[in-house]
Protein backbone atom coordinates (compact mmCIF):
# COMPACT_ATOMS: atom_id res chain seq x y z
CA MET A 1 127.20 87.79 230.51
CA ARG A 2 126.52 88.24 226.79
CA LYS A 3 130.10 89.42 226.30
CA THR A 4 131.44 86.30 228.00
CA ILE A 5 129.32 84.09 225.77
CA PHE A 6 130.58 85.94 222.71
CA TYR A 7 134.23 85.45 223.64
CA ILE A 8 133.70 81.74 224.38
CA THR A 9 132.05 81.22 221.02
CA PHE A 10 134.67 83.22 219.16
CA PHE A 11 137.51 81.35 220.85
CA LEU A 12 136.12 77.90 220.09
CA PHE A 13 135.59 78.85 216.48
CA PHE A 14 139.35 78.96 215.95
CA LEU A 15 139.90 75.65 217.73
CA LEU A 16 137.96 73.34 215.40
CA PRO A 17 139.63 69.92 215.46
CA VAL A 18 142.12 69.21 212.68
CA PHE A 19 140.43 65.86 211.90
CA LEU A 20 137.34 67.65 210.57
CA ARG A 21 137.25 67.91 206.79
CA THR A 22 137.08 71.21 204.95
CA ASP A 23 133.35 70.90 204.17
CA GLU A 24 132.52 70.21 207.83
CA LYS A 25 134.59 73.15 208.99
CA SER A 26 132.94 75.42 206.44
CA LEU A 27 129.48 74.46 207.68
CA ILE A 28 130.42 75.15 211.30
CA LYS A 29 132.12 78.38 210.29
CA ALA A 30 128.99 79.58 208.47
CA LEU A 31 126.81 78.82 211.47
CA GLN A 32 129.22 80.41 213.93
CA THR A 33 129.66 83.57 211.89
CA GLU A 34 125.91 84.21 211.73
CA LEU A 35 125.52 83.18 215.37
CA ARG A 36 128.14 85.71 216.39
CA ARG A 37 126.47 88.46 214.36
CA PHE A 38 123.02 87.88 215.81
CA SER A 39 124.32 87.39 219.35
CA THR A 40 126.21 90.69 219.44
CA GLU A 41 125.01 93.16 216.83
CA LEU A 42 121.39 93.15 217.99
CA LYS A 43 122.24 93.91 221.61
CA ASN A 44 121.22 97.57 221.18
CA GLN A 45 117.69 96.67 220.07
CA GLN A 46 114.81 97.25 222.49
CA TYR A 47 114.42 93.50 222.88
CA PRO A 48 117.81 91.93 222.12
CA PRO A 49 118.06 88.15 221.79
CA TYR A 50 119.34 86.53 224.97
CA TYR A 51 119.72 83.18 223.24
CA VAL A 52 120.42 82.15 219.64
CA GLY A 53 120.67 78.50 218.63
CA TYR A 54 121.24 76.84 215.26
CA GLU A 55 120.85 73.12 214.57
CA LEU A 56 121.94 71.89 211.14
CA PHE A 57 120.71 68.54 209.82
CA ASP A 58 122.91 67.20 207.02
CA ILE A 59 120.73 64.32 205.83
CA GLN A 60 121.75 61.40 203.63
CA THR A 61 119.04 58.85 202.77
CA ALA A 62 118.55 55.72 200.67
CA SER A 63 115.41 53.64 200.31
CA LEU A 64 114.02 50.70 198.37
CA THR A 65 110.54 49.14 198.34
CA ASN A 66 109.64 45.83 196.71
CA SER A 67 106.28 44.15 196.22
CA PHE A 68 105.36 40.84 194.59
CA GLY A 69 108.87 40.30 193.28
CA LYS A 70 109.43 43.72 191.70
CA THR A 71 110.77 47.09 192.79
CA LEU A 72 108.22 49.80 193.49
CA ASN A 73 110.69 52.59 194.20
CA LYS A 74 114.40 53.06 194.64
CA SER A 75 115.97 56.36 195.60
CA SER A 76 118.72 58.16 197.43
CA SER A 77 118.95 61.80 198.41
CA LYS A 78 120.85 64.48 200.26
CA ARG A 79 119.49 67.61 201.87
CA ARG A 80 120.38 70.13 204.52
CA VAL A 81 118.03 71.83 206.95
CA VAL A 82 118.80 74.46 209.57
CA ASP A 83 116.46 75.03 212.50
CA ILE A 84 116.74 78.45 214.15
CA ASP A 85 115.80 79.19 217.73
CA ILE A 86 115.90 82.87 218.72
CA ARG A 87 114.66 83.90 222.17
CA VAL A 88 114.09 87.40 223.52
CA GLY A 89 113.39 88.34 227.12
CA ASP A 90 115.32 86.21 229.60
CA TYR A 91 115.50 82.66 230.91
CA ASN A 92 112.57 83.26 233.28
CA LEU A 93 110.19 84.77 230.72
CA ASP A 94 110.67 84.78 226.97
CA ASN A 95 108.78 84.73 223.69
CA THR A 96 108.05 80.99 223.89
CA HIS A 97 105.86 81.45 226.98
CA ARG A 98 102.37 80.02 226.56
CA VAL A 99 99.69 82.57 225.70
CA THR A 100 97.14 80.19 224.15
CA SER A 101 95.84 76.68 224.70
CA GLY A 102 98.31 75.27 222.16
CA PRO A 103 101.59 73.54 223.04
CA PHE A 104 103.52 76.80 222.60
CA GLY A 105 102.28 80.31 223.11
CA GLY A 106 104.74 81.67 220.58
CA SER A 107 107.33 79.66 218.78
CA SER A 108 109.26 82.31 216.79
CA TYR A 109 110.91 79.27 215.33
CA SER A 110 112.22 78.97 211.81
CA SER A 111 113.36 76.08 209.66
CA ILE A 112 114.99 76.46 206.25
CA ASN A 113 116.58 74.36 203.55
CA ILE A 114 120.14 75.39 202.75
CA PRO A 115 122.42 74.45 199.81
CA ILE A 116 123.98 70.98 199.84
CA GLU A 117 127.11 72.48 198.25
CA ASN A 118 129.64 74.01 200.63
CA ASP A 119 129.26 77.62 199.54
CA GLU A 120 129.68 79.63 202.74
CA ILE A 121 128.15 82.84 201.40
CA ALA A 122 125.06 81.07 200.03
CA ILE A 123 124.60 79.18 203.31
CA ARG A 124 125.09 82.28 205.43
CA ASN A 125 122.67 84.25 203.27
CA ALA A 126 119.92 81.66 203.80
CA ILE A 127 120.55 81.57 207.56
CA TRP A 128 120.70 85.37 207.81
CA ASN A 129 117.41 85.84 205.98
CA ALA A 130 115.59 83.24 208.08
CA SER A 131 117.14 84.54 211.32
CA GLU A 132 115.93 88.08 210.55
CA LYS A 133 112.38 86.81 210.17
CA ALA A 134 112.64 84.62 213.27
CA TYR A 135 113.94 87.52 215.37
CA LYS A 136 111.14 89.88 214.29
CA GLU A 137 108.56 87.19 215.03
CA ALA A 138 110.21 86.57 218.43
CA VAL A 139 109.86 90.24 219.35
CA LYS A 140 106.22 90.24 218.26
CA GLN A 141 105.51 87.14 220.34
CA TYR A 142 107.34 88.51 223.36
CA ARG A 143 105.15 91.61 223.34
CA ASN A 144 102.11 89.33 223.26
CA VAL A 145 103.51 87.43 226.23
CA LEU A 146 103.96 90.63 228.26
CA THR A 147 100.41 91.75 227.45
CA ASN A 148 99.01 88.32 228.27
CA LYS A 149 100.78 88.21 231.64
CA ALA A 150 99.18 91.50 232.59
CA VAL A 151 95.60 90.35 232.01
CA LYS A 152 95.55 86.61 232.81
CA VAL A 153 95.24 84.90 236.18
CA LYS A 154 98.31 83.45 237.87
CA GLU A 155 99.51 80.27 236.20
CA GLU A 156 99.57 76.89 237.94
CA ASP A 157 103.25 76.40 237.17
CA THR A 158 105.40 79.52 237.48
CA SER A 159 108.66 77.85 236.43
CA ALA A 160 111.10 79.58 234.08
CA ASP A 161 110.70 79.27 230.33
CA PHE A 162 114.25 78.06 229.64
CA SER A 163 116.84 76.38 231.82
CA ILE A 164 120.48 77.41 232.13
CA GLU A 165 122.68 74.50 231.10
CA LYS A 166 126.40 73.82 230.87
CA PRO A 167 127.77 74.34 227.32
CA ASN A 168 129.01 71.16 225.62
CA VAL A 169 131.75 70.85 223.00
CA TYR A 170 132.12 67.66 220.96
CA PHE A 171 133.15 67.00 217.37
CA GLU A 172 133.25 63.97 215.13
CA PRO A 173 133.70 63.93 211.34
CA ARG A 174 130.74 63.22 209.13
CA LYS A 175 130.57 59.60 208.10
CA ASP A 176 129.74 58.96 204.46
CA TYR A 177 127.87 55.73 203.74
CA ASN A 178 127.99 53.84 200.45
CA VAL A 179 124.73 51.95 200.65
CA ASP A 180 124.39 49.15 198.08
CA LEU A 181 120.74 49.37 197.04
CA ASN A 182 121.39 46.94 194.16
CA LYS A 183 122.30 44.21 196.67
CA TRP A 184 119.03 44.68 198.59
CA GLU A 185 117.09 44.83 195.34
CA ARG A 186 118.41 41.41 194.32
CA ILE A 187 117.55 39.92 197.72
CA PHE A 188 114.07 41.47 197.83
CA ASN A 189 113.23 40.43 194.25
CA LYS A 190 114.03 36.86 195.20
CA ILE A 191 112.26 36.49 198.54
CA SER A 192 109.20 38.61 197.77
CA THR A 193 108.03 36.06 195.19
CA GLN A 194 106.37 34.49 198.24
CA PHE A 195 103.73 37.20 197.88
CA ARG A 196 102.80 35.78 194.47
CA GLU A 197 102.50 32.24 195.79
CA ASN A 198 99.74 33.26 198.25
CA LYS A 199 96.95 34.67 196.14
CA TRP A 200 94.78 35.50 199.16
CA LEU A 201 97.21 38.29 200.09
CA LEU A 202 95.90 41.75 199.24
CA SER A 203 99.17 43.53 199.83
CA GLY A 204 102.74 42.65 200.62
CA ARG A 205 105.93 44.63 200.60
CA ILE A 206 109.44 44.58 201.92
CA SER A 207 111.42 47.79 202.25
CA PHE A 208 114.90 48.96 203.15
CA SER A 209 115.58 52.43 204.49
CA PHE A 210 118.73 54.22 205.55
CA GLU A 211 119.22 57.65 207.05
CA ASN A 212 122.28 59.31 208.48
CA ILE A 213 121.80 62.73 210.02
CA TYR A 214 125.00 64.61 210.66
CA LYS A 215 123.93 67.13 213.28
CA ILE A 216 125.74 70.38 214.00
CA ILE A 217 124.46 72.32 217.03
CA VAL A 218 125.82 75.73 218.00
CA ASN A 219 124.36 78.29 220.36
CA SER A 220 125.20 81.60 222.01
CA GLU A 221 125.94 79.85 225.33
CA GLY A 222 129.06 78.23 223.86
CA THR A 223 127.75 74.81 222.84
CA GLU A 224 129.42 73.39 219.71
CA LEU A 225 128.53 69.85 218.65
CA ALA A 226 128.93 67.77 215.51
CA PHE A 227 127.97 64.08 215.43
CA ASN A 228 126.39 61.34 213.29
CA GLU A 229 123.09 59.58 213.88
CA PRO A 230 122.87 56.66 211.41
CA ARG A 231 119.91 54.27 211.26
CA PHE A 232 119.15 51.28 209.02
CA ARG A 233 115.80 49.50 208.89
CA ILE A 234 114.15 46.65 207.03
CA PHE A 235 110.37 46.46 207.18
CA ILE A 236 108.21 43.53 206.03
CA TYR A 237 104.45 43.95 205.76
CA VAL A 238 101.63 41.61 204.72
CA GLN A 239 97.90 42.34 204.53
CA THR A 240 94.69 40.49 203.76
CA LYS A 241 90.98 40.64 204.52
CA ALA A 242 88.79 38.24 206.45
CA ASP A 243 85.50 37.07 204.97
CA ASP A 244 83.61 39.49 207.23
CA GLY A 245 85.55 42.47 205.82
CA MET A 246 88.06 42.96 208.66
CA VAL A 247 91.43 44.16 207.41
CA LEU A 248 94.25 42.07 208.88
CA TYR A 249 97.97 42.71 208.71
CA LEU A 250 101.27 41.71 210.27
CA TYR A 251 104.73 43.21 210.10
CA LYS A 252 108.30 42.61 211.15
CA THR A 253 110.94 45.29 211.50
CA PHE A 254 114.73 45.06 211.83
CA PHE A 255 116.86 47.92 213.12
CA ALA A 256 120.63 48.41 213.06
CA PHE A 257 123.26 51.15 213.33
CA ASP A 258 125.31 49.60 210.53
CA GLU A 259 124.27 47.94 207.28
CA ASP A 260 126.31 44.81 208.06
CA GLU A 261 124.22 44.19 211.20
CA LEU A 262 121.01 43.71 209.21
CA PRO A 263 119.80 40.13 208.62
CA GLY A 264 120.75 38.25 205.48
CA GLU A 265 118.62 36.67 202.77
CA GLN A 266 117.82 33.41 204.56
CA ILE A 267 116.61 35.05 207.77
CA LEU A 268 114.48 37.53 205.83
CA ASN A 269 113.01 34.72 203.73
CA ASP A 270 112.11 32.72 206.84
CA GLU A 271 110.60 35.76 208.60
CA LEU A 272 108.42 36.52 205.58
CA ALA A 273 107.25 32.89 205.44
CA ASN A 274 106.37 33.03 209.17
CA LEU A 275 104.38 36.25 208.72
CA ILE A 276 102.39 34.79 205.83
CA PHE A 277 101.67 31.60 207.78
CA LYS A 278 100.47 33.52 210.84
CA LEU A 279 98.38 35.93 208.76
CA LYS A 280 96.59 32.95 207.20
CA GLU A 281 95.81 31.75 210.75
CA LEU A 282 94.42 35.18 211.59
CA LYS A 283 92.32 35.26 208.42
CA ASP A 284 90.58 32.05 209.48
CA ALA A 285 90.47 32.90 213.21
CA PRO A 286 87.23 33.59 215.10
CA LEU A 287 86.31 37.05 216.29
CA MET A 288 87.12 37.78 219.91
CA GLU A 289 84.30 38.92 222.15
CA THR A 290 84.54 41.69 224.74
CA TYR A 291 86.61 40.48 227.69
CA SER A 292 87.75 41.56 231.13
CA GLY A 293 90.12 39.32 233.04
CA PRO A 294 93.69 38.01 233.42
CA ALA A 295 96.21 38.39 230.60
CA ILE A 296 99.89 38.08 229.72
CA LEU A 297 101.57 40.69 227.57
CA SER A 298 104.71 39.52 225.79
CA GLY A 299 107.89 41.52 226.37
CA GLU A 300 107.51 43.43 223.11
CA ALA A 301 103.83 44.10 223.76
CA SER A 302 104.62 45.22 227.32
CA GLY A 303 107.26 47.64 226.04
CA VAL A 304 104.76 49.33 223.73
CA PHE A 305 102.18 49.23 226.54
CA PHE A 306 104.52 51.16 228.88
CA HIS A 307 105.55 53.56 226.13
CA GLU A 308 101.95 54.54 225.50
CA ILE A 309 100.39 54.58 228.95
CA PHE A 310 103.38 55.61 231.07
CA GLY A 311 106.06 57.21 228.91
CA HIS A 312 103.95 59.98 227.41
CA ARG A 313 102.63 60.93 230.84
CA VAL A 314 106.11 61.52 232.29
CA GLU A 315 107.29 63.84 229.51
CA GLY A 316 108.04 66.95 231.56
CA HIS A 317 106.60 69.67 229.34
CA ARG A 318 103.11 68.16 229.68
CA GLN A 319 103.11 69.02 233.39
CA LYS A 320 103.20 72.69 232.38
CA ASP A 321 100.20 72.42 230.11
CA PRO A 322 97.02 73.51 231.96
CA ASN A 323 95.00 71.33 229.59
CA SER A 324 96.99 68.19 230.43
CA SER A 325 95.78 65.69 233.01
CA GLN A 326 99.25 65.70 234.64
CA THR A 327 98.66 62.14 235.82
CA PHE A 328 101.88 61.71 237.79
CA LYS A 329 102.48 65.27 238.99
CA SER A 330 100.87 64.53 242.36
CA PHE A 331 102.57 61.12 242.60
CA LEU A 332 106.12 62.37 243.13
CA ASN A 333 107.77 60.04 245.68
CA LYS A 334 104.61 57.93 245.81
CA LYS A 335 103.96 54.38 244.69
CA VAL A 336 102.72 53.92 241.11
CA LEU A 337 103.94 50.38 240.33
CA PRO A 338 104.55 47.18 242.30
CA ASP A 339 107.67 47.52 244.46
CA PHE A 340 109.52 44.89 242.39
CA MET A 341 109.43 47.09 239.27
CA SER A 342 111.44 50.10 238.06
CA VAL A 343 111.32 52.14 234.86
CA VAL A 344 114.33 53.94 233.39
CA PHE A 345 114.92 56.02 230.29
CA ASP A 346 118.49 55.59 229.07
CA PRO A 347 119.54 57.19 225.77
CA THR A 348 123.20 56.40 226.56
CA LEU A 349 122.53 52.68 226.04
CA LYS A 350 123.30 51.66 222.46
CA ARG A 351 122.52 47.95 222.91
CA LEU A 352 120.73 45.78 225.45
CA ASN A 353 121.56 42.07 225.52
CA GLY A 354 123.23 42.59 222.15
CA ILE A 355 120.11 44.13 220.58
CA PRO A 356 120.57 47.64 219.11
CA LEU A 357 118.28 50.30 220.62
CA SER A 358 117.01 53.02 218.30
CA GLY A 359 116.46 55.50 221.16
CA TYR A 360 120.25 55.89 221.58
CA TYR A 361 121.90 59.28 221.09
CA LYS A 362 124.90 61.25 222.40
CA PHE A 363 123.29 64.68 222.77
CA ASP A 364 119.69 65.79 222.57
CA ASP A 365 118.40 68.45 220.17
CA GLU A 366 118.98 71.25 222.68
CA GLY A 367 122.69 70.45 222.98
CA VAL A 368 122.37 68.71 226.36
CA GLN A 369 124.29 65.48 226.92
CA ALA A 370 122.16 62.32 227.03
CA GLN A 371 121.52 61.08 230.56
CA LYS A 372 120.04 58.00 232.20
CA VAL A 373 116.86 58.86 234.13
CA VAL A 374 115.41 56.53 236.78
CA SER A 375 111.76 57.51 236.53
CA VAL A 376 110.33 54.81 238.81
CA ASP A 377 112.54 53.29 241.47
CA SER A 378 111.21 50.09 243.10
CA GLY A 379 107.62 51.12 242.39
CA THR A 380 108.02 54.76 243.53
CA PHE A 381 107.77 57.59 241.02
CA LYS A 382 110.91 59.77 241.13
CA LYS A 383 111.51 61.81 237.97
CA PHE A 384 110.07 63.19 234.77
CA ILE A 385 112.08 63.18 231.57
CA MET A 386 113.04 66.80 230.92
CA SER A 387 113.93 69.16 228.11
CA ARG A 388 115.12 72.72 228.79
CA SER A 389 111.57 73.74 229.71
CA PRO A 390 111.59 73.68 233.56
CA ILE A 391 108.64 72.56 235.63
CA GLU A 392 107.89 72.66 239.34
CA ASN A 393 110.60 70.72 241.29
CA PHE A 394 112.59 70.06 238.08
CA SER A 395 114.57 73.12 237.02
CA ASN A 396 117.00 71.53 234.54
CA SER A 397 117.11 69.27 231.53
CA ASN A 398 118.14 65.64 231.81
CA GLY A 399 118.97 65.29 228.14
CA HIS A 400 115.54 64.45 226.71
CA GLY A 401 114.80 67.53 224.59
CA ARG A 402 114.13 65.88 221.22
CA LYS A 403 112.59 66.66 217.86
CA SER A 404 112.60 66.05 214.16
CA TYR A 405 113.87 68.82 211.90
CA GLY A 406 111.37 71.63 211.47
CA TYR A 407 109.98 71.35 215.00
CA ARG A 408 110.77 72.81 218.41
CA ALA A 409 112.22 70.35 220.91
CA VAL A 410 110.13 69.17 223.86
CA SER A 411 110.72 66.39 226.38
CA ARG A 412 110.43 63.02 224.60
CA GLN A 413 111.16 59.39 225.36
CA SER A 414 114.40 57.62 224.43
CA ASN A 415 115.13 54.00 225.45
CA LEU A 416 112.39 53.01 227.90
CA ILE A 417 113.46 49.99 229.97
CA VAL A 418 111.16 48.19 232.40
CA GLU A 419 113.16 46.39 235.08
CA SER A 420 111.86 43.69 237.42
CA TYR A 421 113.38 42.22 240.58
CA ARG A 422 110.85 39.38 240.79
CA LYS A 423 111.07 37.36 237.58
CA VAL A 424 109.65 33.90 236.92
CA PRO A 425 110.22 31.51 234.00
CA LEU A 426 107.72 31.97 231.18
CA GLN A 427 106.20 28.53 231.73
CA LYS A 428 105.52 29.42 235.37
CA LEU A 429 104.06 32.77 234.29
CA ARG A 430 101.66 30.89 232.04
CA GLN A 431 100.64 28.63 234.92
CA MET A 432 100.10 31.69 237.13
CA LEU A 433 97.76 33.04 234.42
CA ILE A 434 95.74 29.80 234.48
CA ASP A 435 95.60 29.85 238.28
CA GLU A 436 94.37 33.46 238.23
CA CYS A 437 91.69 32.53 235.68
CA ARG A 438 90.45 29.72 237.94
CA LYS A 439 90.41 32.12 240.88
CA GLN A 440 88.24 34.57 238.92
CA GLY A 441 86.02 31.88 237.37
CA LYS A 442 87.28 32.50 233.83
CA ASP A 443 87.44 29.78 231.16
CA TYR A 444 90.50 31.36 229.57
CA GLY A 445 93.03 34.15 229.80
CA LEU A 446 94.58 36.16 226.98
CA PHE A 447 98.11 36.28 225.65
CA PHE A 448 99.04 39.41 223.68
CA GLU A 449 101.95 38.34 221.49
CA LYS A 450 102.32 41.36 219.24
CA VAL A 451 100.98 44.91 219.11
CA GLU A 452 101.44 47.55 216.47
CA GLY A 453 101.39 50.60 218.74
CA GLY A 454 98.59 52.65 220.19
CA PHE A 455 97.56 56.03 221.47
CA THR A 456 96.81 57.65 224.78
CA PHE A 457 94.72 60.61 225.91
CA THR A 458 96.39 63.03 228.31
CA GLY A 459 93.96 65.96 228.20
CA ARG A 460 91.63 67.01 231.01
CA THR A 461 88.50 67.36 228.89
CA ILE A 462 88.27 63.66 227.95
CA PRO A 463 88.71 60.41 229.92
CA ASN A 464 92.38 59.73 230.65
CA ALA A 465 92.43 56.39 228.88
CA PHE A 466 94.71 54.45 226.54
CA ASN A 467 94.09 52.24 223.53
CA VAL A 468 96.82 49.76 222.62
CA LEU A 469 96.35 47.99 219.29
CA PRO A 470 97.09 44.23 219.40
CA ILE A 471 97.48 42.33 216.15
CA VAL A 472 98.28 38.81 217.46
CA VAL A 473 96.23 37.57 220.45
CA TYR A 474 95.68 34.05 221.80
CA LYS A 475 93.20 32.50 224.21
CA ILE A 476 94.91 30.30 226.80
CA TYR A 477 92.31 27.82 228.11
CA VAL A 478 92.14 26.69 231.72
CA ASP A 479 91.03 23.13 230.77
CA GLY A 480 94.15 22.42 228.74
CA ARG A 481 92.74 22.90 225.23
CA PRO A 482 95.32 24.15 222.68
CA ASP A 483 95.84 27.89 222.54
CA GLU A 484 93.51 29.57 220.05
CA ILE A 485 94.42 32.59 217.95
CA VAL A 486 91.68 35.25 217.82
CA ARG A 487 91.22 38.59 216.12
CA GLY A 488 89.34 41.85 216.39
CA VAL A 489 90.10 43.42 219.79
CA ASP A 490 91.78 46.52 221.19
CA LEU A 491 93.32 46.71 224.65
CA ILE A 492 91.85 49.59 226.66
CA GLY A 493 91.96 51.00 230.18
CA THR A 494 93.28 53.71 232.47
CA PRO A 495 96.94 53.85 233.60
CA LEU A 496 96.85 53.77 237.39
CA THR A 497 94.25 51.01 237.55
CA THR A 498 96.14 48.85 235.05
CA PHE A 499 99.47 49.32 236.84
CA SER A 500 97.91 48.22 240.13
CA ASN A 501 96.87 44.92 238.50
CA ILE A 502 100.39 43.76 237.57
CA ILE A 503 101.10 40.49 239.43
CA ALA A 504 104.43 39.22 238.08
CA THR A 505 106.94 39.45 235.23
CA GLY A 506 108.70 36.88 233.10
CA ASP A 507 112.45 36.29 232.90
CA ASP A 508 112.55 37.27 229.21
CA LEU A 509 113.16 40.61 227.51
CA GLY A 510 111.29 42.00 224.50
CA VAL A 511 112.55 44.98 222.50
CA PHE A 512 110.42 47.21 220.29
CA ASN A 513 112.33 49.64 218.05
CA GLY A 514 110.19 52.24 216.36
CA THR A 515 109.44 55.89 215.73
CA CYS A 516 107.23 57.88 218.07
CA GLY A 517 105.16 60.73 216.66
CA ALA A 518 104.14 63.69 218.82
CA GLU A 519 104.16 67.49 218.77
CA SER A 520 107.91 67.71 218.04
CA GLY A 521 107.73 65.29 215.10
CA GLY A 522 108.84 61.70 214.79
CA VAL A 523 111.78 60.59 216.94
CA PRO A 524 113.40 57.13 217.14
CA VAL A 525 112.61 55.29 220.38
CA SER A 526 112.80 51.82 221.85
CA ALA A 527 110.75 50.12 224.53
CA CYS A 528 112.18 47.13 226.42
CA SER A 529 110.30 44.99 228.92
CA PRO A 530 109.85 41.48 230.30
CA SER A 531 106.50 39.77 229.80
CA LEU A 532 103.81 40.95 232.26
CA LEU A 533 101.04 39.06 234.01
CA VAL A 534 98.09 41.35 234.74
CA SER A 535 95.20 40.19 236.95
CA LYS A 536 92.62 42.19 235.04
CA ILE A 537 92.70 43.79 231.66
CA GLU A 538 89.91 44.92 229.36
CA VAL A 539 89.49 44.57 225.61
CA GLN A 540 86.89 46.00 223.29
CA LYS A 541 85.90 45.09 219.76
CA LYS A 542 88.04 46.59 217.04
CA ALA A 543 86.43 48.73 214.35
CA LYS A 544 86.14 46.90 211.05
CA SER A 545 85.42 47.70 207.45
CA GLU A 546 81.97 47.02 205.99
CA GLU A 547 83.54 46.43 202.59
CA LYS A 548 83.57 42.81 201.44
CA PRO A 549 86.71 41.01 200.21
CA PRO A 550 87.58 41.42 196.49
CA ILE A 551 85.06 40.02 194.03
CA LEU A 552 87.67 38.87 191.52
CA PRO A 553 90.54 36.57 192.53
CA SER A 554 94.14 37.74 192.46
CA PRO A 555 95.77 37.47 189.02
């Protein structure tokens, strides 16, 4: 089998597409040459590598940050990183097998910076040196695994350590971007003067960021991939402090795959004005008391809500962790949501209703083609999202092995999409909220317009709860009084109970594009959902600073 893999790799090496430029071909050639050496010349060692994988990140960035009408920083950079994955043993049991309570028993994983110039010998030398160290560490870890297996009790999940997947071959040339930072600097200098006009603001900034990662993935199974992953973002942030010391802030983010898709000066100016106006409302708003009762989550808030309390619990590798609560492991083919709702993860979807989705990609970081995964079908739980780490009943990847450079890939979310087959107009959803409040004897319900994110606990040693962090919340009164903005609460609860309280969904769609941080680093994700009406939700008071507002006024 190792001979076959060697011949496949060697053959493809001479068939690199003619449309690739010389520098791209030289990078692939350097990776393939070292891959071939380590895949074949170590086969006589006591523990030869059964798998060698290289992922090269050719990173081009540009960024600009402006505050109060002036530029704080302005930079562009290029760098190259190679992540090295060397495995000894076999697909069933290898050096990555868990031997401790951490996420990986032994990583034998290496990440190195390589020259940005296309000097094949210099690049190969860096890869060779790091691969030598990674291989020796892999052997050391594998011995630990064998010893550990001999003395520990039988594991709950006896699945293989690595799945066998079909090799993929795909090439596209690297795209070079000429980002005009001077243009954005002129726009930001002009519109950010609004920060100066509102002296009660403690902080305000507007930033532009660009990153294109040209990924090259090669492995000893025959996979050869080269593709671009460009991302553009604009981020607006405003912050102040209430009289009681509570720090308040709002933000707006814009995401695009191309610079021309980003909003222009007028839209940015209007969005900044809206943020400042709403932040002033929050500054003067009353504190919200503890509450348990009906609520509506906007589409964007619902997307983040599902990302935090559902998405992280269906990441496959967590079902292998004996310290994880494994919330949905026993719910396979059982009901977890109302039967009018489904949840899919679809990294193949670049846009939804014309809105770009940042969780889009062609191949994951283990060389597996992106795939749509129907996780919940009409309320019934069906699938986990999977990397190449098999679990019970799921022996293969479905294209969700993701990571940032310098980390080992695990199963991670992509584009989470909540679908509903029982939608009502938003005005009717609001009336249903009021009716539910009357039914429960409540004077008001809550409307969560915007959240900043949140966190969730998935371990067994602590309560399996979530904490979603709202930043714009309104009271909707039963007696017809105007909606009232409030501040100072966090949305808390447990997943299965909260899901069982969903009554209906709106006919809208909210999209949240962001970056999710977890054990394999930060990865771009999106969360898309209609508004949700929940019969009972709980909020607790938000922690606040004891420090008073500034003594001196703003200059």
